[in-house]
Amino acid sequence: MSAGATRRWEQKVWTVDNPGFAFGVAGVESTMHLLRDYLLNASFDTTAPHFVRNTIVNAVTAVLQPEYMRLLSLIPSAKYDDMPQGAALIGIYTPDGPHLFELTANGLVTDHHARSLRR
């Protein structure tokens, strides 16, 4: 893991045993820890793509948007409108293959599924 000139080892990939998939998160450390905790505690009844996507969308509402607003309140300046805390990447490997979810604090979630990227 790196933050500016600081580098250290930290776990970046986690598994959810039931129903069985792995995920990783990328972005600003504090926000990513909140997203990781949310996903580890989320209830996944299935790995069907639309259920996984719904859980990711819920993570934006429950975690990413509030954290972004909290950080903006600490640094109230227009020049920070595009802070990296306002975005995250979540990679998930499910039985139907890998997905890369791109999240933004304004609620946009894009699923870059591996099948749709192959051409």
N, C-alpha and C. Protein backbone atom coordinates (compact mmCIF):
# COMPACT_ATOMS: atom_id res chain seq x y z
N MET A 1 0.84 -1.16 0.00
CA MET A 1 0.00 0.00 0.00
C MET A 1 0.89 1.24 0.00
N SER A 2 0.48 2.25 -0.71
CA SER A 2 1.28 3.47 -0.72
C SER A 2 0.37 4.68 -0.57
N ALA A 3 0.91 5.68 0.14
CA ALA A 3 0.24 6.97 0.30
C ALA A 3 1.33 8.02 0.23
N GLY A 4 1.48 8.63 -0.93
CA GLY A 4 2.58 9.58 -1.11
C GLY A 4 3.90 8.82 -1.04
N ALA A 5 4.78 9.27 -0.16
CA ALA A 5 6.08 8.62 -0.01
C ALA A 5 6.03 7.46 0.97
N THR A 6 4.93 7.29 1.69
CA THR A 6 4.79 6.23 2.69
C THR A 6 4.35 4.93 2.01
N ARG A 7 5.04 3.85 2.35
CA ARG A 7 4.67 2.54 1.81
C ARG A 7 4.70 1.53 2.95
N ARG A 8 3.70 0.62 2.94
CA ARG A 8 3.68 -0.45 3.93
C ARG A 8 2.85 -1.60 3.39
N TRP A 9 3.03 -2.77 3.98
CA TRP A 9 2.27 -3.95 3.58
C TRP A 9 0.93 -3.93 4.28
N GLU A 10 -0.10 -4.20 3.52
CA GLU A 10 -1.45 -4.30 4.08
C GLU A 10 -2.26 -5.23 3.19
N GLN A 11 -3.16 -5.98 3.81
CA GLN A 11 -4.02 -6.88 3.04
C GLN A 11 -4.90 -6.06 2.12
N LYS A 12 -5.00 -6.49 0.87
CA LYS A 12 -5.80 -5.76 -0.13
C LYS A 12 -6.90 -6.60 -0.75
N VAL A 13 -6.91 -7.90 -0.48
CA VAL A 13 -7.92 -8.79 -1.04
C VAL A 13 -8.52 -9.60 0.11
N TRP A 14 -9.86 -9.70 0.10
CA TRP A 14 -10.58 -10.43 1.14
C TRP A 14 -11.53 -11.42 0.49
N THR A 15 -11.93 -12.42 1.26
CA THR A 15 -12.89 -13.39 0.75
C THR A 15 -14.15 -13.35 1.59
N VAL A 16 -15.26 -13.61 0.93
CA VAL A 16 -16.55 -13.78 1.59
C VAL A 16 -16.91 -15.24 1.39
N ASP A 17 -16.93 -16.00 2.48
CA ASP A 17 -17.11 -17.45 2.38
C ASP A 17 -18.50 -17.86 1.91
N ASN A 18 -19.51 -17.13 2.31
CA ASN A 18 -20.86 -17.51 1.91
C ASN A 18 -21.49 -16.32 1.20
N PRO A 19 -21.66 -16.33 -0.07
CA PRO A 19 -21.73 -17.46 -0.99
C PRO A 19 -20.41 -17.82 -1.66
N GLY A 20 -19.35 -17.14 -1.39
CA GLY A 20 -18.05 -17.51 -1.92
C GLY A 20 -17.56 -16.63 -3.06
N PHE A 21 -16.88 -15.53 -2.73
CA PHE A 21 -16.21 -14.73 -3.74
C PHE A 21 -15.12 -13.92 -3.06
N ALA A 22 -14.26 -13.35 -3.86
CA ALA A 22 -13.16 -12.53 -3.36
C ALA A 22 -13.33 -11.12 -3.87
N PHE A 23 -12.85 -10.14 -3.09
CA PHE A 23 -12.93 -8.76 -3.54
C PHE A 23 -11.72 -7.98 -3.03
N GLY A 24 -11.44 -6.88 -3.72
CA GLY A 24 -10.41 -5.95 -3.32
C GLY A 24 -10.93 -4.54 -3.53
N VAL A 25 -10.37 -3.58 -2.81
CA VAL A 25 -10.79 -2.19 -2.94
C VAL A 25 -9.57 -1.32 -3.18
N ALA A 26 -9.77 -0.22 -3.90
CA ALA A 26 -8.68 0.71 -4.17
C ALA A 26 -9.21 2.12 -4.04
N GLY A 27 -8.40 2.99 -3.49
CA GLY A 27 -8.77 4.38 -3.29
C GLY A 27 -8.10 4.91 -2.05
N VAL A 28 -8.67 5.94 -1.46
CA VAL A 28 -8.11 6.55 -0.25
C VAL A 28 -8.31 5.59 0.92
N GLU A 29 -7.27 5.42 1.72
CA GLU A 29 -7.24 4.39 2.75
C GLU A 29 -8.45 4.40 3.70
N SER A 30 -8.76 5.53 4.28
CA SER A 30 -9.85 5.56 5.26
C SER A 30 -11.18 5.16 4.64
N THR A 31 -11.45 5.64 3.44
CA THR A 31 -12.68 5.30 2.75
C THR A 31 -12.70 3.84 2.36
N MET A 32 -11.56 3.31 1.92
CA MET A 32 -11.50 1.91 1.51
C MET A 32 -11.71 0.97 2.69
N HIS A 33 -11.21 1.34 3.86
CA HIS A 33 -11.44 0.51 5.05
C HIS A 33 -12.93 0.46 5.38
N LEU A 34 -13.61 1.59 5.25
CA LEU A 34 -15.05 1.61 5.49
C LEU A 34 -15.80 0.75 4.48
N LEU A 35 -15.41 0.83 3.21
CA LEU A 35 -16.04 -0.01 2.18
C LEU A 35 -15.75 -1.50 2.43
N ARG A 36 -14.52 -1.81 2.78
CA ARG A 36 -14.17 -3.20 3.09
C ARG A 36 -15.04 -3.74 4.22
N ASP A 37 -15.15 -2.98 5.31
CA ASP A 37 -15.95 -3.43 6.44
C ASP A 37 -17.42 -3.60 6.05
N TYR A 38 -17.92 -2.69 5.23
CA TYR A 38 -19.31 -2.78 4.78
C TYR A 38 -19.52 -4.07 4.00
N LEU A 39 -18.62 -4.37 3.07
CA LEU A 39 -18.78 -5.56 2.25
C LEU A 39 -18.59 -6.85 3.05
N LEU A 40 -17.67 -6.84 4.01
CA LEU A 40 -17.47 -8.03 4.83
C LEU A 40 -18.68 -8.32 5.71
N ASN A 41 -19.43 -7.28 6.06
CA ASN A 41 -20.60 -7.45 6.92
C ASN A 41 -21.91 -7.50 6.14
N ALA A 42 -21.85 -7.31 4.83
CA ALA A 42 -23.07 -7.32 4.01
C ALA A 42 -23.61 -8.75 3.90
N SER A 43 -24.89 -8.83 3.68
CA SER A 43 -25.53 -10.13 3.53
C SER A 43 -25.66 -10.44 2.04
N PHE A 44 -24.93 -11.44 1.58
CA PHE A 44 -24.98 -11.86 0.19
C PHE A 44 -25.69 -13.21 0.14
N ASP A 45 -26.92 -13.23 -0.36
CA ASP A 45 -27.63 -14.49 -0.49
C ASP A 45 -27.22 -15.23 -1.75
N THR A 46 -26.63 -14.54 -2.67
CA THR A 46 -26.25 -15.13 -3.96
C THR A 46 -25.15 -14.27 -4.59
N THR A 47 -24.44 -14.84 -5.53
CA THR A 47 -23.45 -14.06 -6.27
C THR A 47 -23.99 -13.67 -7.64
N ALA A 48 -25.31 -13.78 -7.85
CA ALA A 48 -25.89 -13.34 -9.12
C ALA A 48 -25.49 -11.89 -9.35
N PRO A 49 -25.05 -11.56 -10.57
CA PRO A 49 -24.51 -10.23 -10.84
C PRO A 49 -25.39 -9.07 -10.39
N HIS A 50 -26.71 -9.16 -10.57
CA HIS A 50 -27.55 -8.03 -10.18
C HIS A 50 -27.64 -7.88 -8.67
N PHE A 51 -27.54 -8.98 -7.90
CA PHE A 51 -27.54 -8.87 -6.44
C PHE A 51 -26.23 -8.27 -5.94
N VAL A 52 -25.11 -8.70 -6.54
CA VAL A 52 -23.81 -8.14 -6.16
C VAL A 52 -23.79 -6.65 -6.49
N ARG A 53 -24.27 -6.28 -7.69
CA ARG A 53 -24.29 -4.87 -8.08
C ARG A 53 -25.15 -4.05 -7.12
N ASN A 54 -26.31 -4.58 -6.71
CA ASN A 54 -27.18 -3.86 -5.77
C ASN A 54 -26.46 -3.62 -4.44
N THR A 55 -25.70 -4.60 -3.98
CA THR A 55 -24.95 -4.43 -2.74
C THR A 55 -23.88 -3.35 -2.90
N ILE A 56 -23.24 -3.31 -4.07
CA ILE A 56 -22.23 -2.28 -4.35
C ILE A 56 -22.89 -0.90 -4.39
N VAL A 57 -24.04 -0.79 -5.03
CA VAL A 57 -24.77 0.48 -5.07
C VAL A 57 -25.14 0.91 -3.65
N ASN A 58 -25.57 -0.02 -2.83
CA ASN A 58 -25.89 0.30 -1.44
C ASN A 58 -24.66 0.78 -0.68
N ALA A 59 -23.49 0.24 -1.02
CA ALA A 59 -22.25 0.67 -0.37
C ALA A 59 -21.94 2.13 -0.69
N VAL A 60 -22.26 2.56 -1.92
CA VAL A 60 -22.06 3.97 -2.28
C VAL A 60 -22.92 4.86 -1.39
N THR A 61 -24.18 4.48 -1.23
CA THR A 61 -25.10 5.28 -0.43
C THR A 61 -24.75 5.25 1.05
N ALA A 62 -24.39 4.07 1.55
CA ALA A 62 -24.14 3.90 2.99
C ALA A 62 -22.76 4.38 3.42
N VAL A 63 -21.78 4.27 2.53
CA VAL A 63 -20.39 4.54 2.94
C VAL A 63 -19.76 5.69 2.16
N LEU A 64 -19.71 5.57 0.85
CA LEU A 64 -18.92 6.51 0.05
C LEU A 64 -19.47 7.93 0.09
N GLN A 65 -20.77 8.10 -0.09
CA GLN A 65 -21.34 9.45 -0.07
C GLN A 65 -21.17 10.14 1.29
N PRO A 66 -21.52 9.47 2.42
CA PRO A 66 -21.33 10.12 3.72
C PRO A 66 -19.87 10.46 4.03
N GLU A 67 -18.96 9.56 3.66
CA GLU A 67 -17.54 9.82 3.92
C GLU A 67 -17.04 10.99 3.08
N TYR A 68 -17.47 11.05 1.83
CA TYR A 68 -17.09 12.16 0.96
C TYR A 68 -17.59 13.48 1.53
N MET A 69 -18.85 13.51 1.98
CA MET A 69 -19.42 14.74 2.55
C MET A 69 -18.70 15.12 3.85
N ARG A 70 -18.35 14.11 4.67
CA ARG A 70 -17.61 14.38 5.91
C ARG A 70 -16.26 15.02 5.60
N LEU A 71 -15.56 14.47 4.62
CA LEU A 71 -14.25 15.01 4.27
C LEU A 71 -14.36 16.39 3.65
N LEU A 72 -15.40 16.63 2.84
CA LEU A 72 -15.59 17.97 2.29
C LEU A 72 -15.88 19.00 3.37
N SER A 73 -16.56 18.57 4.43
CA SER A 73 -16.83 19.51 5.54
C SER A 73 -15.55 19.87 6.28
N LEU A 74 -14.56 18.97 6.26
CA LEU A 74 -13.28 19.25 6.90
C LEU A 74 -12.39 20.12 6.03
N ILE A 75 -12.55 20.01 4.71
CA ILE A 75 -11.73 20.76 3.76
C ILE A 75 -12.69 21.50 2.82
N PRO A 76 -13.37 22.52 3.29
CA PRO A 76 -14.39 23.19 2.47
C PRO A 76 -13.79 24.13 1.43
N SER A 77 -13.36 23.56 0.33
CA SER A 77 -12.79 24.37 -0.73
C SER A 77 -13.19 23.78 -2.07
N ALA A 78 -13.54 24.63 -3.00
CA ALA A 78 -13.94 24.17 -4.34
C ALA A 78 -12.83 23.39 -5.02
N LYS A 79 -11.58 23.68 -4.68
CA LYS A 79 -10.48 22.98 -5.36
C LYS A 79 -10.41 21.51 -4.96
N TYR A 80 -11.15 21.10 -3.93
CA TYR A 80 -11.16 19.71 -3.51
C TYR A 80 -12.40 18.96 -4.01
N ASP A 81 -13.16 19.56 -4.92
CA ASP A 81 -14.38 18.91 -5.40
C ASP A 81 -14.12 17.56 -6.05
N ASP A 82 -12.94 17.37 -6.63
CA ASP A 82 -12.63 16.10 -7.28
C ASP A 82 -11.68 15.26 -6.44
N MET A 83 -11.81 15.37 -5.12
CA MET A 83 -10.95 14.60 -4.23
C MET A 83 -11.10 13.11 -4.53
N PRO A 84 -10.01 12.35 -4.41
CA PRO A 84 -10.10 10.91 -4.67
C PRO A 84 -11.00 10.18 -3.68
N GLN A 85 -11.31 10.78 -2.53
CA GLN A 85 -12.23 10.15 -1.58
C GLN A 85 -13.61 9.99 -2.20
N GLY A 86 -13.86 10.74 -3.28
CA GLY A 86 -15.16 10.68 -3.94
C GLY A 86 -15.27 9.55 -4.95
N ALA A 87 -14.27 8.67 -5.00
CA ALA A 87 -14.30 7.57 -5.96
C ALA A 87 -13.64 6.34 -5.36
N ALA A 88 -14.03 5.18 -5.86
CA ALA A 88 -13.43 3.93 -5.40
C ALA A 88 -13.54 2.90 -6.50
N LEU A 89 -12.69 1.91 -6.43
CA LEU A 89 -12.75 0.75 -7.31
C LEU A 89 -12.92 -0.48 -6.44
N ILE A 90 -13.85 -1.34 -6.81
CA ILE A 90 -14.03 -2.60 -6.11
C ILE A 90 -13.98 -3.71 -7.15
N GLY A 91 -13.00 -4.57 -7.01
CA GLY A 91 -12.90 -5.72 -7.89
C GLY A 91 -13.46 -6.94 -7.18
N ILE A 92 -14.34 -7.68 -7.86
CA ILE A 92 -14.96 -8.86 -7.27
C ILE A 92 -14.83 -10.00 -8.27
N TYR A 93 -14.43 -11.16 -7.74
CA TYR A 93 -14.40 -12.36 -8.58
C TYR A 93 -15.53 -13.27 -8.13
N THR A 94 -16.52 -13.46 -9.00
CA THR A 94 -17.68 -14.30 -8.72
C THR A 94 -17.68 -15.49 -9.66
N PRO A 95 -18.55 -16.46 -9.44
CA PRO A 95 -18.58 -17.62 -10.35
C PRO A 95 -18.79 -17.26 -11.82
N ASP A 96 -19.44 -16.11 -12.11
CA ASP A 96 -19.62 -15.74 -13.52
C ASP A 96 -18.44 -14.93 -14.05
N GLY A 97 -17.39 -14.81 -13.25
CA GLY A 97 -16.18 -14.13 -13.69
C GLY A 97 -15.89 -12.86 -12.93
N PRO A 98 -14.83 -12.17 -13.31
CA PRO A 98 -14.42 -10.96 -12.60
C PRO A 98 -15.25 -9.73 -13.00
N HIS A 99 -15.45 -8.86 -12.02
CA HIS A 99 -16.12 -7.59 -12.24
C HIS A 99 -15.23 -6.50 -11.63
N LEU A 100 -15.17 -5.36 -12.27
CA LEU A 100 -14.51 -4.20 -11.69
C LEU A 100 -15.57 -3.11 -11.61
N PHE A 101 -15.98 -2.79 -10.37
CA PHE A 101 -16.99 -1.76 -10.15
C PHE A 101 -16.29 -0.43 -9.89
N GLU A 102 -16.65 0.56 -10.67
CA GLU A 102 -16.14 1.92 -10.50
C GLU A 102 -17.25 2.71 -9.81
N LEU A 103 -16.96 3.26 -8.63
CA LEU A 103 -17.95 3.96 -7.83
C LEU A 103 -17.59 5.43 -7.73
N THR A 104 -18.58 6.29 -7.76
CA THR A 104 -18.37 7.71 -7.49
C THR A 104 -19.36 8.15 -6.41
N ALA A 105 -18.97 9.16 -5.65
CA ALA A 105 -19.80 9.63 -4.54
C ALA A 105 -21.13 10.20 -5.01
N ASN A 106 -21.25 10.55 -6.29
CA ASN A 106 -22.53 11.08 -6.78
C ASN A 106 -23.51 9.95 -7.12
N GLY A 107 -23.13 8.69 -6.82
CA GLY A 107 -24.05 7.57 -6.98
C GLY A 107 -23.87 6.75 -8.23
N LEU A 108 -22.93 7.12 -9.10
CA LEU A 108 -22.71 6.37 -10.34
C LEU A 108 -21.90 5.11 -10.04
N VAL A 109 -22.41 3.97 -10.48
CA VAL A 109 -21.70 2.70 -10.34
C VAL A 109 -21.62 2.07 -11.72
N THR A 110 -20.41 1.83 -12.19
CA THR A 110 -20.19 1.22 -13.49
C THR A 110 -19.58 -0.16 -13.28
N ASP A 111 -20.19 -1.18 -13.87
CA ASP A 111 -19.69 -2.55 -13.78
C ASP A 111 -18.93 -2.86 -15.06
N HIS A 112 -17.62 -2.96 -14.95
CA HIS A 112 -16.79 -3.34 -16.08
C HIS A 112 -16.57 -4.85 -16.00
N HIS A 113 -17.57 -5.62 -16.46
CA HIS A 113 -17.49 -7.07 -16.39
C HIS A 113 -16.50 -7.57 -17.42
N ALA A 114 -15.73 -8.56 -17.06
CA ALA A 114 -14.67 -9.05 -17.95
C ALA A 114 -15.21 -9.51 -19.29
N ARG A 115 -16.40 -10.13 -19.31
CA ARG A 115 -16.94 -10.58 -20.59
C ARG A 115 -17.23 -9.42 -21.52
N SER A 116 -17.68 -8.30 -20.96
CA SER A 116 -17.98 -7.15 -21.82
C SER A 116 -16.72 -6.45 -22.29
N LEU A 117 -15.59 -6.71 -21.64
CA LEU A 117 -14.34 -6.07 -22.04
C LEU A 117 -13.59 -6.89 -23.09
N ARG A 118 -13.90 -8.18 -23.19
CA ARG A 118 -13.22 -9.03 -24.18
C ARG A 118 -13.77 -8.76 -25.57
N ARG A 119 -12.90 -8.53 -26.52
CA ARG A 119 -13.35 -8.30 -27.90
C ARG A 119 -12.37 -8.96 -28.84
